[in-house]
Protein backbone atom coordinates (compact mmCIF):
# COMPACT_ATOMS: atom_id res chain seq x y z
CA MET A 1 90.79 170.38 66.89
CA SER A 2 92.33 169.19 70.15
CA ARG A 3 94.10 166.33 68.32
CA ARG A 4 95.69 168.83 65.99
CA ILE A 5 96.91 170.95 68.90
CA LEU A 6 98.20 167.86 70.66
CA GLY A 7 99.99 166.76 67.49
CA MET A 8 101.60 170.18 67.10
CA ALA A 9 102.67 170.10 70.76
CA VAL A 10 104.28 166.67 70.29
CA VAL A 11 106.11 167.85 67.16
CA GLY A 12 107.28 170.98 68.99
CA LEU A 13 108.53 168.93 71.93
CA ALA A 14 110.40 166.59 69.58
CA ILE A 15 112.11 169.57 67.93
CA LEU A 16 113.11 171.02 71.31
CA LEU A 17 114.53 167.65 72.41
CA ALA A 18 116.48 167.38 69.16
CA PHE A 19 117.99 170.83 69.76
CA ALA A 20 118.85 169.91 73.37
CA VAL A 21 120.68 166.76 72.24
CA ALA A 22 122.47 168.64 69.45
CA ALA A 23 123.53 171.35 71.93
CA GLN A 24 125.46 168.83 74.06
CA PRO A 25 129.15 169.44 73.37
CA ALA A 26 131.17 166.54 72.02
CA PRO A 27 133.78 165.32 74.52
CA VAL A 28 137.15 166.99 74.06
CA PRO A 29 139.84 164.27 74.19
CA ALA A 30 142.56 164.40 76.81
CA PRO A 31 146.15 164.69 75.56
CA ASP A 32 148.26 161.53 75.32
CA ARG A 33 150.75 163.10 77.74
CA ASN A 34 149.45 164.79 80.86
CA ILE A 35 151.68 167.85 81.21
CA GLU A 36 150.81 168.40 84.87
CA THR A 37 152.02 164.97 86.03
CA GLY A 38 154.17 163.75 83.15
CA LEU A 39 152.04 160.57 82.91
CA VAL A 40 151.75 159.16 79.39
CA PHE A 41 148.64 157.46 77.96
CA PRO A 42 149.66 155.87 74.64
CA ASN A 43 147.46 153.88 72.25
CA MET A 44 148.28 150.65 74.13
CA ILE A 45 149.01 149.98 77.80
CA GLY A 46 150.04 146.36 78.08
CA PRO A 47 147.34 144.33 76.31
CA ALA A 48 144.73 147.12 76.51
CA ARG A 49 143.90 149.51 73.67
CA LYS A 50 142.87 153.12 74.26
CA VAL A 51 139.24 153.60 73.21
CA GLY A 52 138.69 157.20 74.27
CA SER A 53 139.57 160.02 76.65
CA VAL A 54 138.00 163.17 78.09
CA ASP A 55 139.39 166.55 79.12
CA TYR A 56 136.77 167.66 81.67
CA SER A 57 138.04 171.23 81.82
CA GLN A 58 137.16 171.72 78.15
CA THR A 59 134.21 169.33 77.88
CA LYS A 60 132.35 170.31 81.06
CA ALA A 61 134.18 173.49 82.18
CA ALA A 62 135.24 171.53 85.27
CA PRO A 63 139.05 171.68 85.58
CA GLU A 64 138.88 170.16 89.08
CA LEU A 65 137.71 166.88 87.47
CA GLY A 66 140.87 166.72 85.33
CA TRP A 67 141.15 164.05 82.65
CA ALA A 68 140.16 160.42 81.99
CA TRP A 69 141.61 157.80 79.61
CA ASN A 70 139.66 154.60 78.77
CA TYR A 71 141.30 151.31 77.77
CA GLU A 72 139.82 147.94 76.84
CA THR A 73 140.66 144.36 76.00
CA PRO A 74 137.88 141.98 74.92
CA ALA A 75 137.08 141.27 78.59
CA LEU A 76 138.64 144.09 80.64
CA THR A 77 137.86 147.80 80.96
CA THR A 78 140.33 150.14 82.66
CA THR A 79 139.90 153.87 83.19
CA PHE A 80 142.67 156.15 84.46
CA TYR A 81 141.70 159.47 86.08
CA VAL A 82 144.02 162.37 86.94
CA TYR A 83 142.41 165.27 88.85
CA ASN A 84 142.86 167.54 91.88
CA PHE A 85 139.23 168.10 92.97
CA GLY A 86 140.16 171.77 93.41
CA LEU A 87 142.71 171.07 96.16
CA GLY A 88 145.92 173.07 96.14
CA SER A 89 148.09 170.40 97.77
CA ILE A 90 147.90 166.62 97.43
CA PRO A 91 150.71 164.61 99.04
CA SER A 92 152.23 161.74 97.09
CA GLY A 93 151.43 158.18 98.09
CA ALA A 94 148.46 156.38 99.59
CA THR A 95 148.44 157.40 103.26
CA SER A 96 147.69 161.14 103.42
CA GLY A 97 144.37 162.50 104.62
CA PRO A 98 143.33 163.88 101.19
CA VAL A 99 144.11 160.58 99.44
CA LEU A 100 142.28 158.49 102.06
CA THR A 101 139.27 160.81 101.82
CA GLN A 102 139.29 160.59 98.03
CA PHE A 103 139.58 156.80 98.20
CA GLN A 104 136.60 156.59 100.56
CA GLN A 105 134.57 158.84 98.25
CA ALA A 106 135.50 156.79 95.17
CA ALA A 107 134.55 153.54 96.94
CA ALA A 108 131.27 155.14 98.05
CA ASP A 109 130.63 156.16 94.41
CA ILE A 110 130.86 152.48 93.40
CA GLU A 111 128.32 151.60 96.10
CA ILE A 112 126.04 154.43 94.95
CA GLY A 113 126.32 153.07 91.39
CA ALA A 114 125.24 149.66 92.69
CA ARG A 115 122.19 151.16 94.38
CA ALA A 116 121.37 152.94 91.11
CA GLY A 117 121.39 149.61 89.25
CA ARG A 118 124.88 149.36 87.78
CA TYR A 119 125.72 146.30 89.89
CA GLU A 120 123.86 143.73 91.99
CA GLN A 121 125.23 141.88 95.04
CA LEU A 122 128.19 144.28 95.37
CA LYS A 123 130.51 143.37 98.23
CA PRO A 124 134.22 143.80 99.03
CA SER A 125 136.32 140.72 98.26
CA GLN A 126 139.82 142.07 98.86
CA GLY A 127 140.88 145.10 100.89
CA PRO A 128 140.71 147.92 101.52
CA GLY A 129 144.43 148.07 101.95
CA ASN A 130 147.60 149.31 100.29
CA CYS A 131 148.80 147.84 96.98
CA THR A 132 152.32 148.38 95.67
CA VAL A 133 152.72 148.33 91.90
CA GLY A 134 156.24 149.10 90.69
CA THR A 135 157.25 152.28 92.51
CA LEU A 136 153.65 153.36 93.18
CA VAL A 137 151.68 152.67 96.36
CA PHE A 138 147.90 152.86 96.04
CA ARG A 139 145.00 152.56 98.42
CA CYS A 140 143.00 149.75 96.81
CA ILE A 141 139.92 147.57 97.07
CA THR A 142 138.35 144.86 94.91
CA PHE A 143 134.61 144.18 94.88
CA THR A 144 132.63 141.24 93.55
CA ALA A 145 129.30 141.98 91.90
CA VAL A 146 126.76 140.70 89.39
CA LEU A 147 125.80 142.63 86.26
CA PRO A 148 122.02 143.16 86.28
CA GLY A 149 121.50 142.60 82.54
CA ASP A 150 123.00 139.15 81.99
CA LYS A 151 123.65 138.16 85.65
CA ARG A 152 127.34 137.75 84.86
CA PRO A 153 129.62 137.79 87.96
CA VAL A 154 132.36 140.42 87.74
CA PHE A 155 135.16 142.00 89.72
CA THR A 156 135.52 145.76 89.99
CA ARG A 157 138.76 147.18 91.37
CA LEU A 158 139.71 150.66 92.56
CA PHE A 159 143.16 152.21 93.07
CA VAL A 160 143.81 155.74 94.42
CA THR A 161 147.08 157.50 95.18
CA GLY A 162 148.61 160.96 95.26
CA TYR A 163 150.90 161.64 92.33
CA ARG A 164 152.73 164.93 91.72
CA ASN A 165 150.09 167.05 93.45
CA TYR A 166 147.16 165.25 91.76
CA PHE A 167 144.98 162.27 92.53
CA LEU A 168 145.60 159.25 90.32
CA LYS A 169 142.58 156.93 90.32
CA ILE A 170 142.24 153.68 88.35
CA ARG A 171 139.04 151.66 87.89
CA GLN A 172 138.98 148.15 86.37
CA ASP A 173 136.08 145.79 85.62
CA TRP A 174 136.39 142.19 84.36
CA PRO A 175 134.48 138.87 84.45
CA GLN A 176 135.10 136.60 87.42
CA ASN A 177 135.33 133.40 85.34
CA ALA A 178 137.90 134.60 82.80
CA PRO A 179 141.50 133.58 83.55
CA ALA A 180 142.81 135.57 80.56
CA ALA A 181 141.12 138.74 81.84
CA ALA A 182 142.57 138.16 85.30
CA ARG A 183 146.08 138.10 83.78
CA GLU A 184 145.33 141.23 81.71
CA VAL A 185 144.25 143.14 84.83
CA ASP A 186 147.69 142.97 86.37
CA ALA A 187 149.48 143.35 83.03
CA VAL A 188 147.77 146.70 82.39
CA ILE A 189 148.57 148.05 85.85
CA GLN A 190 152.18 146.82 85.73
CA ALA A 191 152.73 148.31 82.26
CA PHE A 192 151.32 151.64 83.37
CA ALA A 193 153.29 151.72 86.63
CA SER A 194 156.53 150.93 84.80
CA THR A 195 156.32 154.32 83.06
CA ALA A 196 155.37 156.35 86.15
CA LYS A 197 158.15 158.17 88.00
CA PRO A 198 156.89 159.48 91.37
């Protein structure tokens, strides 16, 4: 009798889990043109193809998290984020208090991800400092790390700036021993910056 009750409990739990998974809303894509900043996220940025996007205000009811656009090449992943974190005023450029605070938080998030198992042996390799790309100036840092699954050494790079009263954050990950990926990294950022008008 107890096996039957246990079996019914397991079936009931499986049904509840299935409903919980089904209840998760599908991500609502972000528009190709961000009306708030005028930034455009077409199907291709340099050599990278857009593979998805998220409008957090509609997907998670979190307008302060803004939008994200994901791009990939065979070796490189790049994600662009535009958000205001609920702040009413964000100065343009890389040197204001809000931008520096947001940069520090974003860098700390990468370190938290490493402690949670996303990376091993994470350490800064370049920066922090300011990086100028086209007409944009970012606060930036590059880390070296090792992926835990296949022990592959990688770079992960972070850019943050203020842009038209929003934060513009860019994250890139690519293998350390891939010259083609290293060229693609800069090509994506240069192509994006060439369309931005601060």
